[in-house]
Amino acid sequence: MTPADHLNLTFAALADPTRRAILARLASGAATVSELAQPFDMTQPAISKHLKVLERAGLISRGRDGQRRPSRIEPRRLAEAGAWLDQYREFWEASFARLDAVLDELVRKKTKGEKTPRR
């Protein structure tokens, strides 16, 4: 599977608010399906379907602890998505910095009484 495929699965999984809430809960520690289902108005099988999507995307793993099958968050895929988003954050920060510089120059010229060119 390519990095682009991983990103596609990650963002598709994160598109659902229930799955984002499940990840937020798992950020504080492992949990079973019944523990994860408690705050939601849905059945355990419905939560299990969400967990399968998260697991397929590599965002969680599911283990065995006796009769329990706790789910755990897997940070690697989130880190990859974060790194991808950081590229765009850096682009926008640089763009805003250039815009700030232009606006500062316009304000400086206006306070000195200079004419600004029209476009």
C-alpha atoms as a PDB file:
ATOM      1  CA  MET A   1       0.000   0.000   0.000  1.00  0.00           C
ATOM      2  CA  THR A   2       1.351   3.423  -0.926  1.00  0.00           C
ATOM      3  CA  PRO A   3       1.622   6.415   1.418  1.00  0.00           C
ATOM      4  CA  ALA A   4      -1.183   8.050  -0.587  1.00  0.00           C
ATOM      5  CA  ASP A   5      -3.388   5.004   0.055  1.00  0.00           C
ATOM      6  CA  HIS A   6      -2.652   5.277   3.776  1.00  0.00           C
ATOM      7  CA  LEU A   7      -3.591   8.959   3.742  1.00  0.00           C
ATOM      8  CA  ASN A   8      -6.820   8.220   1.885  1.00  0.00           C
ATOM      9  CA  LEU A   9      -7.817   5.589   4.454  1.00  0.00           C
ATOM     10  CA  THR A  10      -6.827   7.855   7.338  1.00  0.00           C
ATOM     11  CA  PHE A  11      -8.815  10.860   6.148  1.00  0.00           C
ATOM     12  CA  ALA A  12     -11.800   8.693   5.193  1.00  0.00           C
ATOM     13  CA  ALA A  13     -11.800   7.218   8.706  1.00  0.00           C
ATOM     14  CA  LEU A  14     -11.434  10.654  10.302  1.00  0.00           C
ATOM     15  CA  ALA A  15     -14.323  12.049   8.257  1.00  0.00           C
ATOM     16  CA  ASP A  16     -16.832  10.510  10.666  1.00  0.00           C
ATOM     17  CA  PRO A  17     -17.445  12.309  13.988  1.00  0.00           C
ATOM     18  CA  THR A  18     -18.106   9.040  15.844  1.00  0.00           C
ATOM     19  CA  ARG A  19     -14.734   7.659  14.792  1.00  0.00           C
ATOM     20  CA  ARG A  20     -13.018  10.906  15.815  1.00  0.00           C
ATOM     21  CA  ALA A  21     -14.722  10.656  19.210  1.00  0.00           C
ATOM     22  CA  ILE A  22     -13.577   7.044  19.543  1.00  0.00           C
ATOM     23  CA  LEU A  23     -10.002   8.096  18.800  1.00  0.00           C
ATOM     24  CA  ALA A  24     -10.273  10.896  21.348  1.00  0.00           C
ATOM     25  CA  ARG A  25     -11.404   8.372  23.952  1.00  0.00           C
ATOM     26  CA  LEU A  26      -8.604   5.941  23.033  1.00  0.00           C
ATOM     27  CA  ALA A  27      -6.060   8.734  23.427  1.00  0.00           C
ATOM     28  CA  SER A  28      -6.588   8.355  27.181  1.00  0.00           C
ATOM     29  CA  GLY A  29      -6.049   4.587  27.137  1.00  0.00           C
ATOM     30  CA  ALA A  30      -7.198   1.252  25.756  1.00  0.00           C
ATOM     31  CA  ALA A  31     -10.902   0.409  25.862  1.00  0.00           C
ATOM     32  CA  THR A  32     -13.251  -2.428  24.958  1.00  0.00           C
ATOM     33  CA  VAL A  33     -16.147  -2.183  22.532  1.00  0.00           C
ATOM     34  CA  SER A  34     -18.644  -1.951  25.403  1.00  0.00           C
ATOM     35  CA  GLU A  35     -16.610   0.829  27.039  1.00  0.00           C
ATOM     36  CA  LEU A  36     -16.422   2.698  23.747  1.00  0.00           C
ATOM     37  CA  ALA A  37     -20.154   2.251  23.082  1.00  0.00           C
ATOM     38  CA  GLN A  38     -21.243   3.804  26.405  1.00  0.00           C
ATOM     39  CA  PRO A  39     -21.322   7.496  25.399  1.00  0.00           C
ATOM     40  CA  PHE A  40     -23.029   6.788  22.060  1.00  0.00           C
ATOM     41  CA  ASP A  41     -26.633   6.058  21.222  1.00  0.00           C
ATOM     42  CA  MET A  42     -25.699   3.043  19.113  1.00  0.00           C
ATOM     43  CA  THR A  43     -25.251  -0.678  19.463  1.00  0.00           C
ATOM     44  CA  GLN A  44     -22.006  -2.492  20.111  1.00  0.00           C
ATOM     45  CA  PRO A  45     -22.100  -3.988  16.576  1.00  0.00           C
ATOM     46  CA  ALA A  46     -22.323  -0.443  15.164  1.00  0.00           C
ATOM     47  CA  ILE A  47     -19.307   0.607  17.252  1.00  0.00           C
ATOM     48  CA  SER A  48     -17.501  -2.530  16.060  1.00  0.00           C
ATOM     49  CA  LYS A  49     -18.036  -1.419  12.454  1.00  0.00           C
ATOM     50  CA  HIS A  50     -16.460   1.944  13.262  1.00  0.00           C
ATOM     51  CA  LEU A  51     -13.548   0.140  14.943  1.00  0.00           C
ATOM     52  CA  LYS A  52     -13.007  -1.976  11.824  1.00  0.00           C
ATOM     53  CA  VAL A  53     -12.738   1.183   9.713  1.00  0.00           C
ATOM     54  CA  LEU A  54     -10.247   2.681  12.179  1.00  0.00           C
ATOM     55  CA  GLU A  55      -8.275  -0.568  12.280  1.00  0.00           C
ATOM     56  CA  ARG A  56      -8.193  -0.872   8.473  1.00  0.00           C
ATOM     57  CA  ALA A  57      -6.832   2.696   8.346  1.00  0.00           C
ATOM     58  CA  GLY A  58      -4.114   1.742  10.849  1.00  0.00           C
ATOM     59  CA  LEU A  59      -5.378   4.239  13.411  1.00  0.00           C
ATOM     60  CA  ILE A  60      -6.066   1.615  16.073  1.00  0.00           C
ATOM     61  CA  SER A  61      -5.035  -1.915  16.917  1.00  0.00           C
ATOM     62  CA  ARG A  62      -7.058  -4.528  18.735  1.00  0.00           C
ATOM     63  CA  GLY A  63      -5.488  -6.949  21.161  1.00  0.00           C
ATOM     64  CA  ARG A  64      -6.490  -9.777  23.463  1.00  0.00           C
ATOM     65  CA  ASP A  65      -6.567  -9.644  27.220  1.00  0.00           C
ATOM     66  CA  GLY A  66      -8.301 -12.830  28.341  1.00  0.00           C
ATOM     67  CA  GLN A  67     -11.914 -12.437  27.237  1.00  0.00           C
ATOM     68  CA  ARG A  68     -11.449  -8.739  26.533  1.00  0.00           C
ATOM     69  CA  ARG A  69     -10.399  -7.305  23.156  1.00  0.00           C
ATOM     70  CA  PRO A  70      -9.205  -3.811  24.018  1.00  0.00           C
ATOM     71  CA  SER A  71      -8.566  -1.299  21.245  1.00  0.00           C
ATOM     72  CA  ARG A  72      -5.546   0.987  21.369  1.00  0.00           C
ATOM     73  CA  ILE A  73      -4.713   4.076  19.392  1.00  0.00           C
ATOM     74  CA  GLU A  74      -1.832   3.737  16.929  1.00  0.00           C
ATOM     75  CA  PRO A  75      -0.148   7.134  16.543  1.00  0.00           C
ATOM     76  CA  ARG A  76       1.894   6.391  13.401  1.00  0.00           C
ATOM     77  CA  ARG A  77      -0.891   6.998  10.864  1.00  0.00           C
ATOM     78  CA  LEU A  78      -2.025  10.141  12.680  1.00  0.00           C
ATOM     79  CA  ALA A  79       1.561  11.369  12.629  1.00  0.00           C
ATOM     80  CA  GLU A  80       1.735  10.749   8.868  1.00  0.00           C
ATOM     81  CA  ALA A  81      -1.489  12.717   8.342  1.00  0.00           C
ATOM     82  CA  GLY A  82      -0.172  15.482  10.596  1.00  0.00           C
ATOM     83  CA  ALA A  83       3.055  15.674   8.597  1.00  0.00           C
ATOM     84  CA  TRP A  84       1.077  15.931   5.373  1.00  0.00           C
ATOM     85  CA  LEU A  85      -1.074  18.718   6.833  1.00  0.00           C
ATOM     86  CA  ASP A  86       2.035  20.502   8.153  1.00  0.00           C
ATOM     87  CA  GLN A  87       3.219  21.039   4.579  1.00  0.00           C
ATOM     88  CA  TYR A  88       0.097  23.064   3.907  1.00  0.00           C
ATOM     89  CA  ARG A  89       0.266  24.858   7.247  1.00  0.00           C
ATOM     90  CA  GLU A  90       3.804  25.977   6.369  1.00  0.00           C
ATOM     91  CA  PHE A  91       2.597  27.170   2.947  1.00  0.00           C
ATOM     92  CA  TRP A  92      -0.243  29.211   4.461  1.00  0.00           C
ATOM     93  CA  GLU A  93       1.929  30.638   7.218  1.00  0.00           C
ATOM     94  CA  ALA A  94       4.435  31.817   4.606  1.00  0.00           C
ATOM     95  CA  SER A  95       1.605  33.271   2.501  1.00  0.00           C
ATOM     96  CA  PHE A  96       0.188  35.135   5.484  1.00  0.00           C
ATOM     97  CA  ALA A  97       3.645  36.423   6.395  1.00  0.00           C
ATOM     98  CA  ARG A  98       4.023  37.843   2.858  1.00  0.00           C
ATOM     99  CA  LEU A  99       0.569  39.404   3.084  1.00  0.00           C
ATOM    100  CA  ASP A 100       1.447  40.935   6.468  1.00  0.00           C
ATOM    101  CA  ALA A 101       4.585  42.442   4.930  1.00  0.00           C
ATOM    102  CA  VAL A 102       2.584  43.982   2.068  1.00  0.00           C
ATOM    103  CA  LEU A 103      -0.030  45.369   4.450  1.00  0.00           C
ATOM    104  CA  ASP A 104       2.663  46.782   6.743  1.00  0.00           C
ATOM    105  CA  GLU A 105       4.261  48.495   3.750  1.00  0.00           C
ATOM    106  CA  LEU A 106       0.929  49.966   2.667  1.00  0.00           C
ATOM    107  CA  VAL A 107       0.276  51.294   6.181  1.00  0.00           C
ATOM    108  CA  ARG A 108       3.801  52.729   6.335  1.00  0.00           C
ATOM    109  CA  LYS A 109       3.332  54.489   2.987  1.00  0.00           C
ATOM    110  CA  LYS A 110      -0.069  55.837   3.992  1.00  0.00           C
ATOM    111  CA  THR A 111       1.222  57.276   7.258  1.00  0.00           C
ATOM    112  CA  LYS A 112       4.095  58.953   5.348  1.00  0.00           C
ATOM    113  CA  GLY A 113       1.641  60.340   2.797  1.00  0.00           C
ATOM    114  CA  GLU A 114       3.051  58.383  -0.137  1.00  0.00           C
ATOM    115  CA  LYS A 115       0.753  57.304  -2.939  1.00  0.00           C
ATOM    116  CA  THR A 116       0.132  53.608  -3.354  1.00  0.00           C
ATOM    117  CA  PRO A 117      -0.089  52.135  -6.844  1.00  0.00           C
ATOM    118  CA  ARG A 118      -3.520  50.981  -8.039  1.00  0.00           C
ATOM    119  CA  ARG A 119      -3.936  47.609  -9.607  1.00  0.00           C
END
